[in-house]
Amino acid sequence: MSLQTDIVFVKALRSNAELIAQLPAGDVYNTTIALPDEDLNNAEVPYIIVSFDGMNNQDFTKDNSFDGLTDMVTIGIEIAAKSRPQLAELAIMVRDTIRDYFRQHAADQEDEDYELIPNSYQCTAQPVQYDSLKPCYWQQLVFTCDTNVD
């Protein structure tokens, strides 16, 4: 299920009505903002984009040398906002929402999201940046997830 990990991150973020209400699009984007190039710079802020940023297969054994049992998946979450305080508020909401959603849905093996939720993750944050052309403040949160291959 590791190649679908971004989908459960999007689902987790969409579950927070307070977070979604703050986004002019009323939704979280997956992979990109699907607009023509000339409109992309005009995407209204704030917005959140979840992306699947790659994976590495791990846990090879002498009996299983072609494909290991776990994958380390990298999920990026780009957050753009009108002000630095708004960016911080959204980033905190994103982290809290993901953590709470995963805790809630990882406890029940009958839950439809159980297989998609990582076994664990580490969260890091890239530097806060400013895009003067948009204009907006933005930051990417990076989740390195330990997932099952199947």
N, C-alpha and C. Protein backbone atom coordinates (compact mmCIF):
# COMPACT_ATOMS: atom_id res chain seq x y z
N MET A 1 0.80 -1.20 0.00
CA MET A 1 0.00 0.00 0.00
C MET A 1 0.85 1.27 0.00
N SER A 2 2.15 1.12 0.04
CA SER A 2 3.03 2.28 0.20
C SER A 2 2.93 3.27 -0.96
N LEU A 3 2.62 2.80 -2.15
CA LEU A 3 2.54 3.69 -3.31
C LEU A 3 1.26 4.54 -3.30
N GLN A 4 0.43 4.35 -2.29
CA GLN A 4 -0.80 5.13 -2.15
C GLN A 4 -0.79 5.99 -0.87
N THR A 5 0.34 6.10 -0.24
CA THR A 5 0.40 6.76 1.06
C THR A 5 -0.09 8.20 1.00
N ASP A 6 0.18 8.91 -0.09
CA ASP A 6 -0.28 10.30 -0.19
C ASP A 6 -1.80 10.41 -0.09
N ILE A 7 -2.50 9.39 -0.57
CA ILE A 7 -3.96 9.42 -0.57
C ILE A 7 -4.51 9.49 0.85
N VAL A 8 -3.91 8.76 1.78
CA VAL A 8 -4.41 8.79 3.16
C VAL A 8 -4.04 10.11 3.84
N PHE A 9 -2.95 10.74 3.44
CA PHE A 9 -2.63 12.07 3.97
C PHE A 9 -3.68 13.09 3.52
N VAL A 10 -4.06 13.03 2.25
CA VAL A 10 -5.10 13.93 1.75
C VAL A 10 -6.41 13.68 2.48
N LYS A 11 -6.77 12.42 2.64
CA LYS A 11 -8.01 12.06 3.33
C LYS A 11 -7.99 12.57 4.77
N ALA A 12 -6.85 12.43 5.43
CA ALA A 12 -6.74 12.93 6.81
C ALA A 12 -6.97 14.43 6.86
N LEU A 13 -6.34 15.18 5.96
CA LEU A 13 -6.50 16.64 5.97
C LEU A 13 -7.93 17.04 5.63
N ARG A 14 -8.55 16.34 4.70
CA ARG A 14 -9.94 16.64 4.33
C ARG A 14 -10.92 16.37 5.48
N SER A 15 -10.51 15.56 6.44
CA SER A 15 -11.40 15.24 7.56
C SER A 15 -11.55 16.39 8.55
N ASN A 16 -10.68 17.39 8.46
CA ASN A 16 -10.71 18.51 9.39
C ASN A 16 -11.48 19.68 8.74
N ALA A 17 -12.76 19.80 9.10
CA ALA A 17 -13.62 20.83 8.52
C ALA A 17 -13.11 22.25 8.80
N GLU A 18 -12.54 22.46 9.98
CA GLU A 18 -12.00 23.79 10.33
C GLU A 18 -10.84 24.16 9.41
N LEU A 19 -9.98 23.20 9.11
CA LEU A 19 -8.85 23.44 8.20
C LEU A 19 -9.35 23.71 6.78
N ILE A 20 -10.24 22.88 6.29
CA ILE A 20 -10.77 23.03 4.93
C ILE A 20 -11.49 24.36 4.77
N ALA A 21 -12.18 24.83 5.80
CA ALA A 21 -12.91 26.10 5.74
C ALA A 21 -11.98 27.29 5.54
N GLN A 22 -10.71 27.15 5.91
CA GLN A 22 -9.75 28.24 5.75
C GLN A 22 -9.15 28.32 4.35
N LEU A 23 -9.40 27.29 3.52
CA LEU A 23 -8.81 27.24 2.18
C LEU A 23 -9.82 27.72 1.15
N PRO A 24 -9.49 28.77 0.37
CA PRO A 24 -10.43 29.29 -0.61
C PRO A 24 -10.95 28.23 -1.60
N ALA A 25 -10.11 27.27 -1.94
CA ALA A 25 -10.54 26.20 -2.86
C ALA A 25 -11.48 25.22 -2.16
N GLY A 26 -11.54 25.26 -0.84
CA GLY A 26 -12.38 24.34 -0.09
C GLY A 26 -11.92 22.91 -0.16
N ASP A 27 -10.64 22.71 -0.45
CA ASP A 27 -10.10 21.37 -0.59
C ASP A 27 -8.57 21.41 -0.49
N VAL A 28 -8.00 20.23 -0.34
CA VAL A 28 -6.55 20.03 -0.35
C VAL A 28 -6.19 19.47 -1.72
N TYR A 29 -5.14 19.98 -2.32
CA TYR A 29 -4.70 19.48 -3.63
C TYR A 29 -3.82 18.26 -3.45
N ASN A 30 -3.89 17.34 -4.40
CA ASN A 30 -3.01 16.18 -4.41
C ASN A 30 -2.10 16.28 -5.62
N THR A 31 -0.82 16.34 -5.42
CA THR A 31 0.26 16.40 -6.40
C THR A 31 0.50 17.80 -6.93
N THR A 32 -0.54 18.50 -7.36
CA THR A 32 -0.36 19.84 -7.94
C THR A 32 -1.68 20.59 -7.93
N ILE A 33 -1.60 21.88 -8.20
CA ILE A 33 -2.80 22.66 -8.45
C ILE A 33 -3.02 22.56 -9.96
N ALA A 34 -4.07 21.89 -10.36
CA ALA A 34 -4.30 21.61 -11.78
C ALA A 34 -4.92 22.83 -12.47
N LEU A 35 -4.06 23.76 -12.83
CA LEU A 35 -4.46 24.96 -13.55
C LEU A 35 -3.52 25.18 -14.72
N PRO A 36 -3.97 25.85 -15.77
CA PRO A 36 -3.03 26.21 -16.85
C PRO A 36 -1.91 27.09 -16.28
N ASP A 37 -0.73 27.02 -16.90
CA ASP A 37 0.44 27.74 -16.40
C ASP A 37 0.16 29.22 -16.14
N GLU A 38 -0.59 29.86 -17.02
CA GLU A 38 -0.83 31.30 -16.87
C GLU A 38 -1.72 31.60 -15.65
N ASP A 39 -2.48 30.61 -15.18
CA ASP A 39 -3.34 30.80 -14.01
C ASP A 39 -2.71 30.33 -12.71
N LEU A 40 -1.67 29.51 -12.81
CA LEU A 40 -1.10 28.89 -11.62
C LEU A 40 -0.60 29.91 -10.61
N ASN A 41 0.04 30.97 -11.07
CA ASN A 41 0.54 32.00 -10.15
C ASN A 41 -0.59 32.76 -9.48
N ASN A 42 -1.80 32.59 -9.99
CA ASN A 42 -2.94 33.29 -9.42
C ASN A 42 -3.79 32.39 -8.52
N ALA A 43 -3.31 31.19 -8.23
CA ALA A 43 -4.05 30.32 -7.31
C ALA A 43 -4.17 31.04 -5.98
N GLU A 44 -5.38 31.11 -5.50
CA GLU A 44 -5.65 31.87 -4.28
C GLU A 44 -5.03 31.19 -3.06
N VAL A 45 -4.40 31.99 -2.20
CA VAL A 45 -3.83 31.47 -0.96
C VAL A 45 -4.79 31.77 0.18
N PRO A 46 -4.79 30.96 1.21
CA PRO A 46 -3.91 29.84 1.45
C PRO A 46 -4.31 28.59 0.67
N TYR A 47 -3.32 27.71 0.49
CA TYR A 47 -3.59 26.40 -0.10
C TYR A 47 -2.62 25.38 0.47
N ILE A 48 -2.98 24.11 0.27
CA ILE A 48 -2.16 22.99 0.73
C ILE A 48 -2.07 21.98 -0.40
N ILE A 49 -0.85 21.54 -0.70
CA ILE A 49 -0.62 20.53 -1.73
C ILE A 49 0.11 19.35 -1.09
N VAL A 50 -0.47 18.16 -1.23
CA VAL A 50 0.15 16.93 -0.74
C VAL A 50 0.77 16.22 -1.93
N SER A 51 2.03 15.79 -1.80
CA SER A 51 2.69 15.11 -2.92
C SER A 51 3.42 13.85 -2.46
N PHE A 52 3.42 12.87 -3.33
CA PHE A 52 4.20 11.64 -3.12
C PHE A 52 5.58 11.94 -3.67
N ASP A 53 6.58 12.03 -2.79
CA ASP A 53 7.92 12.47 -3.18
C ASP A 53 8.95 11.36 -3.28
N GLY A 54 8.47 10.12 -3.38
CA GLY A 54 9.38 9.00 -3.60
C GLY A 54 9.35 7.99 -2.48
N MET A 55 10.04 6.87 -2.72
CA MET A 55 10.14 5.82 -1.70
C MET A 55 11.37 5.00 -1.94
N ASN A 56 11.81 4.33 -0.85
CA ASN A 56 12.94 3.41 -0.89
C ASN A 56 12.50 2.10 -0.26
N ASN A 57 12.72 1.00 -0.96
CA ASN A 57 12.37 -0.32 -0.44
C ASN A 57 13.43 -0.77 0.55
N GLN A 58 13.00 -1.47 1.64
CA GLN A 58 13.93 -1.90 2.68
C GLN A 58 13.56 -3.28 3.18
N ASP A 59 14.36 -3.76 4.12
CA ASP A 59 14.14 -5.04 4.82
C ASP A 59 14.24 -6.25 3.91
N PHE A 60 15.34 -6.34 3.19
CA PHE A 60 15.62 -7.53 2.40
C PHE A 60 16.07 -8.65 3.33
N THR A 61 15.83 -9.88 2.94
CA THR A 61 16.29 -11.03 3.71
C THR A 61 16.98 -12.00 2.75
N LYS A 62 17.63 -13.01 3.27
CA LYS A 62 18.29 -13.99 2.41
C LYS A 62 17.28 -14.75 1.55
N ASP A 63 16.05 -14.86 2.05
CA ASP A 63 15.00 -15.54 1.29
C ASP A 63 14.21 -14.60 0.40
N ASN A 64 14.40 -13.30 0.58
CA ASN A 64 13.63 -12.30 -0.15
C ASN A 64 14.56 -11.18 -0.60
N SER A 65 15.34 -11.44 -1.65
CA SER A 65 16.36 -10.49 -2.06
C SER A 65 15.92 -9.55 -3.18
N PHE A 66 14.68 -9.67 -3.66
CA PHE A 66 14.24 -8.83 -4.76
C PHE A 66 13.38 -7.65 -4.32
N ASP A 67 12.55 -7.85 -3.33
CA ASP A 67 11.68 -6.78 -2.87
C ASP A 67 11.51 -6.94 -1.37
N GLY A 68 11.96 -5.93 -0.61
CA GLY A 68 11.88 -6.00 0.84
C GLY A 68 10.44 -5.90 1.34
N LEU A 69 10.27 -6.05 2.62
CA LEU A 69 8.94 -6.08 3.23
C LEU A 69 8.37 -4.70 3.55
N THR A 70 9.24 -3.69 3.66
CA THR A 70 8.77 -2.35 3.99
C THR A 70 9.35 -1.33 3.02
N ASP A 71 8.66 -0.22 2.92
CA ASP A 71 9.10 0.92 2.12
C ASP A 71 9.19 2.14 3.01
N MET A 72 10.18 2.97 2.76
CA MET A 72 10.25 4.29 3.38
C MET A 72 9.74 5.28 2.35
N VAL A 73 8.58 5.83 2.60
CA VAL A 73 7.89 6.73 1.67
C VAL A 73 8.05 8.17 2.15
N THR A 74 8.30 9.07 1.22
CA THR A 74 8.40 10.49 1.55
C THR A 74 7.17 11.22 1.01
N ILE A 75 6.48 11.89 1.91
CA ILE A 75 5.30 12.69 1.55
C ILE A 75 5.63 14.14 1.84
N GLY A 76 5.41 15.01 0.86
CA GLY A 76 5.61 16.44 1.05
C GLY A 76 4.27 17.13 1.16
N ILE A 77 4.18 18.08 2.06
CA ILE A 77 2.97 18.88 2.20
C ILE A 77 3.39 20.34 2.12
N GLU A 78 3.08 20.97 0.99
CA GLU A 78 3.39 22.39 0.79
C GLU A 78 2.21 23.21 1.28
N ILE A 79 2.53 24.18 2.11
CA ILE A 79 1.51 25.06 2.68
C ILE A 79 1.87 26.49 2.27
N ALA A 80 0.92 27.19 1.67
CA ALA A 80 1.12 28.60 1.29
C ALA A 80 0.07 29.44 2.01
N ALA A 81 0.49 30.62 2.48
CA ALA A 81 -0.42 31.49 3.23
C ALA A 81 -0.10 32.96 2.96
N LYS A 82 -1.04 33.81 3.31
CA LYS A 82 -0.88 35.25 3.08
C LYS A 82 0.10 35.90 4.05
N SER A 83 0.22 35.35 5.24
CA SER A 83 1.11 35.95 6.25
C SER A 83 1.88 34.86 6.97
N ARG A 84 2.95 35.27 7.62
CA ARG A 84 3.76 34.31 8.38
C ARG A 84 2.96 33.71 9.53
N PRO A 85 2.19 34.50 10.30
CA PRO A 85 1.38 33.89 11.36
C PRO A 85 0.35 32.89 10.82
N GLN A 86 -0.28 33.20 9.68
CA GLN A 86 -1.25 32.28 9.10
C GLN A 86 -0.57 30.98 8.66
N LEU A 87 0.64 31.10 8.12
CA LEU A 87 1.39 29.91 7.71
C LEU A 87 1.67 29.02 8.92
N ALA A 88 2.10 29.61 10.01
CA ALA A 88 2.39 28.84 11.22
C ALA A 88 1.13 28.15 11.73
N GLU A 89 0.02 28.87 11.74
CA GLU A 89 -1.25 28.30 12.21
C GLU A 89 -1.66 27.11 11.35
N LEU A 90 -1.56 27.26 10.04
CA LEU A 90 -1.94 26.16 9.14
C LEU A 90 -1.00 24.96 9.30
N ALA A 91 0.29 25.22 9.43
CA ALA A 91 1.26 24.12 9.59
C ALA A 91 0.98 23.33 10.86
N ILE A 92 0.65 24.01 11.93
CA ILE A 92 0.32 23.33 13.19
C ILE A 92 -0.95 22.50 13.01
N MET A 93 -1.95 23.07 12.34
CA MET A 93 -3.20 22.33 12.11
C MET A 93 -2.95 21.09 11.26
N VAL A 94 -2.10 21.21 10.24
CA VAL A 94 -1.79 20.07 9.38
C VAL A 94 -1.15 18.96 10.20
N ARG A 95 -0.13 19.28 10.98
CA ARG A 95 0.54 18.26 11.81
C ARG A 95 -0.43 17.60 12.78
N ASP A 96 -1.20 18.42 13.49
CA ASP A 96 -2.14 17.88 14.48
C ASP A 96 -3.20 17.00 13.82
N THR A 97 -3.71 17.44 12.67
CA THR A 97 -4.76 16.69 11.98
C THR A 97 -4.25 15.33 11.53
N ILE A 98 -3.07 15.30 10.95
CA ILE A 98 -2.51 14.03 10.48
C ILE A 98 -2.26 13.08 11.65
N ARG A 99 -1.63 13.59 12.69
CA ARG A 99 -1.36 12.75 13.86
C ARG A 99 -2.65 12.18 14.45
N ASP A 100 -3.65 13.04 14.65
CA ASP A 100 -4.90 12.60 15.26
C ASP A 100 -5.65 11.62 14.37
N TYR A 101 -5.69 11.87 13.07
CA TYR A 101 -6.39 10.98 12.15
C TYR A 101 -5.73 9.61 12.13
N PHE A 102 -4.41 9.58 12.07
CA PHE A 102 -3.70 8.30 12.03
C PHE A 102 -3.89 7.52 13.33
N ARG A 103 -3.83 8.21 14.46
CA ARG A 103 -4.06 7.52 15.73
C ARG A 103 -5.45 6.92 15.79
N GLN A 104 -6.43 7.66 15.33
CA GLN A 104 -7.81 7.20 15.37
C GLN A 104 -8.06 6.01 14.45
N HIS A 105 -7.50 6.05 13.24
CA HIS A 105 -7.81 5.02 12.24
C HIS A 105 -6.83 3.85 12.23
N ALA A 106 -5.70 3.97 12.90
CA ALA A 106 -4.73 2.87 12.94
C ALA A 106 -5.07 1.85 14.01
N ALA A 107 -6.00 2.17 14.88
CA ALA A 107 -6.33 1.28 15.98
C ALA A 107 -7.27 0.15 15.58
N ASP A 108 -7.96 0.29 14.46
CA ASP A 108 -8.98 -0.68 14.06
C ASP A 108 -8.61 -1.33 12.73
N GLN A 109 -8.27 -2.60 12.76
CA GLN A 109 -7.89 -3.30 11.53
C GLN A 109 -9.03 -3.42 10.54
N GLU A 110 -10.25 -3.20 10.97
CA GLU A 110 -11.42 -3.23 10.08
C GLU A 110 -11.65 -1.89 9.39
N ASP A 111 -10.96 -0.85 9.85
CA ASP A 111 -11.11 0.48 9.27
C ASP A 111 -10.61 0.48 7.83
N GLU A 112 -11.31 1.15 6.93
CA GLU A 112 -10.94 1.15 5.51
C GLU A 112 -9.59 1.81 5.26
N ASP A 113 -9.12 2.65 6.15
CA ASP A 113 -7.83 3.33 5.98
C ASP A 113 -6.69 2.60 6.69
N TYR A 114 -6.98 1.56 7.41
CA TYR A 114 -5.97 0.88 8.22
C TYR A 114 -4.73 0.50 7.41
N GLU A 115 -4.90 -0.09 6.25
CA GLU A 115 -3.77 -0.56 5.43
C GLU A 115 -2.95 0.58 4.85
N LEU A 116 -3.55 1.75 4.69
CA LEU A 116 -2.85 2.89 4.09
C LEU A 116 -2.05 3.71 5.10
N ILE A 117 -2.39 3.61 6.36
CA ILE A 117 -1.74 4.42 7.38
C ILE A 117 -0.34 3.86 7.65
N PRO A 118 0.67 4.73 7.63
CA PRO A 118 2.05 4.26 7.89
C PRO A 118 2.18 3.63 9.26
N ASN A 119 3.15 2.73 9.39
CA ASN A 119 3.46 2.15 10.70
C ASN A 119 3.98 3.22 11.65
N SER A 120 4.74 4.16 11.09
CA SER A 120 5.27 5.29 11.85
C SER A 120 5.74 6.34 10.84
N TYR A 121 6.02 7.54 11.33
CA TYR A 121 6.60 8.57 10.46
C TYR A 121 7.44 9.52 11.28
N GLN A 122 8.34 10.22 10.58
CA GLN A 122 9.09 11.33 11.15
C GLN A 122 8.70 12.56 10.35
N CYS A 123 8.47 13.66 11.03
CA CYS A 123 8.10 14.91 10.35
C CYS A 123 9.25 15.89 10.47
N THR A 124 9.61 16.50 9.34
CA THR A 124 10.59 17.59 9.33
C THR A 124 9.97 18.75 8.57
N ALA A 125 10.53 19.92 8.74
CA ALA A 125 10.02 21.11 8.06
C ALA A 125 11.15 21.79 7.31
N GLN A 126 10.86 22.18 6.09
CA GLN A 126 11.81 22.94 5.29
C GLN A 126 11.74 24.41 5.74
N PRO A 127 12.70 25.23 5.32
CA PRO A 127 12.68 26.64 5.73
C PRO A 127 11.42 27.36 5.25
N VAL A 128 11.00 28.34 6.01
CA VAL A 128 9.92 29.22 5.57
C VAL A 128 10.48 30.12 4.48
N GLN A 129 9.72 30.24 3.40
CA GLN A 129 10.17 31.06 2.28
C GLN A 129 9.08 32.05 1.90
N TYR A 130 9.48 33.06 1.11
CA TYR A 130 8.54 34.07 0.65
C TYR A 130 8.61 34.14 -0.86
N ASP A 131 7.47 34.09 -1.51
CA ASP A 131 7.36 34.21 -2.96
C ASP A 131 6.77 35.58 -3.27
N SER A 132 7.61 36.50 -3.72
CA SER A 132 7.16 37.87 -3.96
C SER A 132 6.28 37.99 -5.20
N LEU A 133 6.32 37.00 -6.09
CA LEU A 133 5.50 37.06 -7.30
C LEU A 133 4.03 36.74 -7.02
N LYS A 134 3.79 35.93 -5.99
CA LYS A 134 2.41 35.51 -5.72
C LYS A 134 1.60 36.58 -5.01
N PRO A 135 1.90 37.26 -4.02
CA PRO A 135 2.90 37.01 -3.00
C PRO A 135 2.33 36.08 -1.91
N CYS A 136 3.23 35.30 -1.30
CA CYS A 136 2.82 34.42 -0.20
C CYS A 136 4.04 33.91 0.55
N TYR A 137 3.80 33.48 1.77
CA TYR A 137 4.78 32.73 2.55
C TYR A 137 4.47 31.26 2.33
N TRP A 138 5.51 30.45 2.28
CA TRP A 138 5.24 29.02 2.11
C TRP A 138 6.31 28.18 2.79
N GLN A 139 5.93 26.95 3.06
CA GLN A 139 6.81 26.01 3.74
C GLN A 139 6.37 24.60 3.35
N GLN A 140 7.32 23.69 3.33
CA GLN A 140 6.98 22.29 3.07
C GLN A 140 7.28 21.45 4.31
N LEU A 141 6.27 20.70 4.75
CA LEU A 141 6.47 19.70 5.78
C LEU A 141 6.79 18.40 5.06
N VAL A 142 7.75 17.64 5.58
CA VAL A 142 8.17 16.39 4.95
C VAL A 142 7.94 15.26 5.95
N PHE A 143 7.16 14.27 5.53
CA PHE A 143 6.87 13.11 6.36
C PHE A 143 7.58 11.91 5.76
N THR A 144 8.51 11.33 6.49
CA THR A 144 9.20 10.11 6.07
C THR A 144 8.51 8.96 6.79
N CYS A 145 7.84 8.12 6.00
CA CYS A 145 6.92 7.12 6.54
C CYS A 145 7.45 5.70 6.37
N ASP A 146 7.35 4.93 7.44
CA ASP A 146 7.65 3.50 7.39
C ASP A 146 6.33 2.80 7.05
N THR A 147 6.29 2.15 5.89
CA THR A 147 5.04 1.54 5.43
C THR A 147 5.25 0.08 5.05
N ASN A 148 4.17 -0.66 4.97
CA ASN A 148 4.21 -2.03 4.46
C ASN A 148 4.14 -2.01 2.95
N VAL A 149 4.84 -2.94 2.30
CA VAL A 149 4.81 -3.02 0.83
C VAL A 149 3.41 -3.39 0.35
N ASP A 150 2.81 -4.40 0.96
CA ASP A 150 1.47 -4.84 0.55
C ASP A 150 0.39 -4.17 1.33
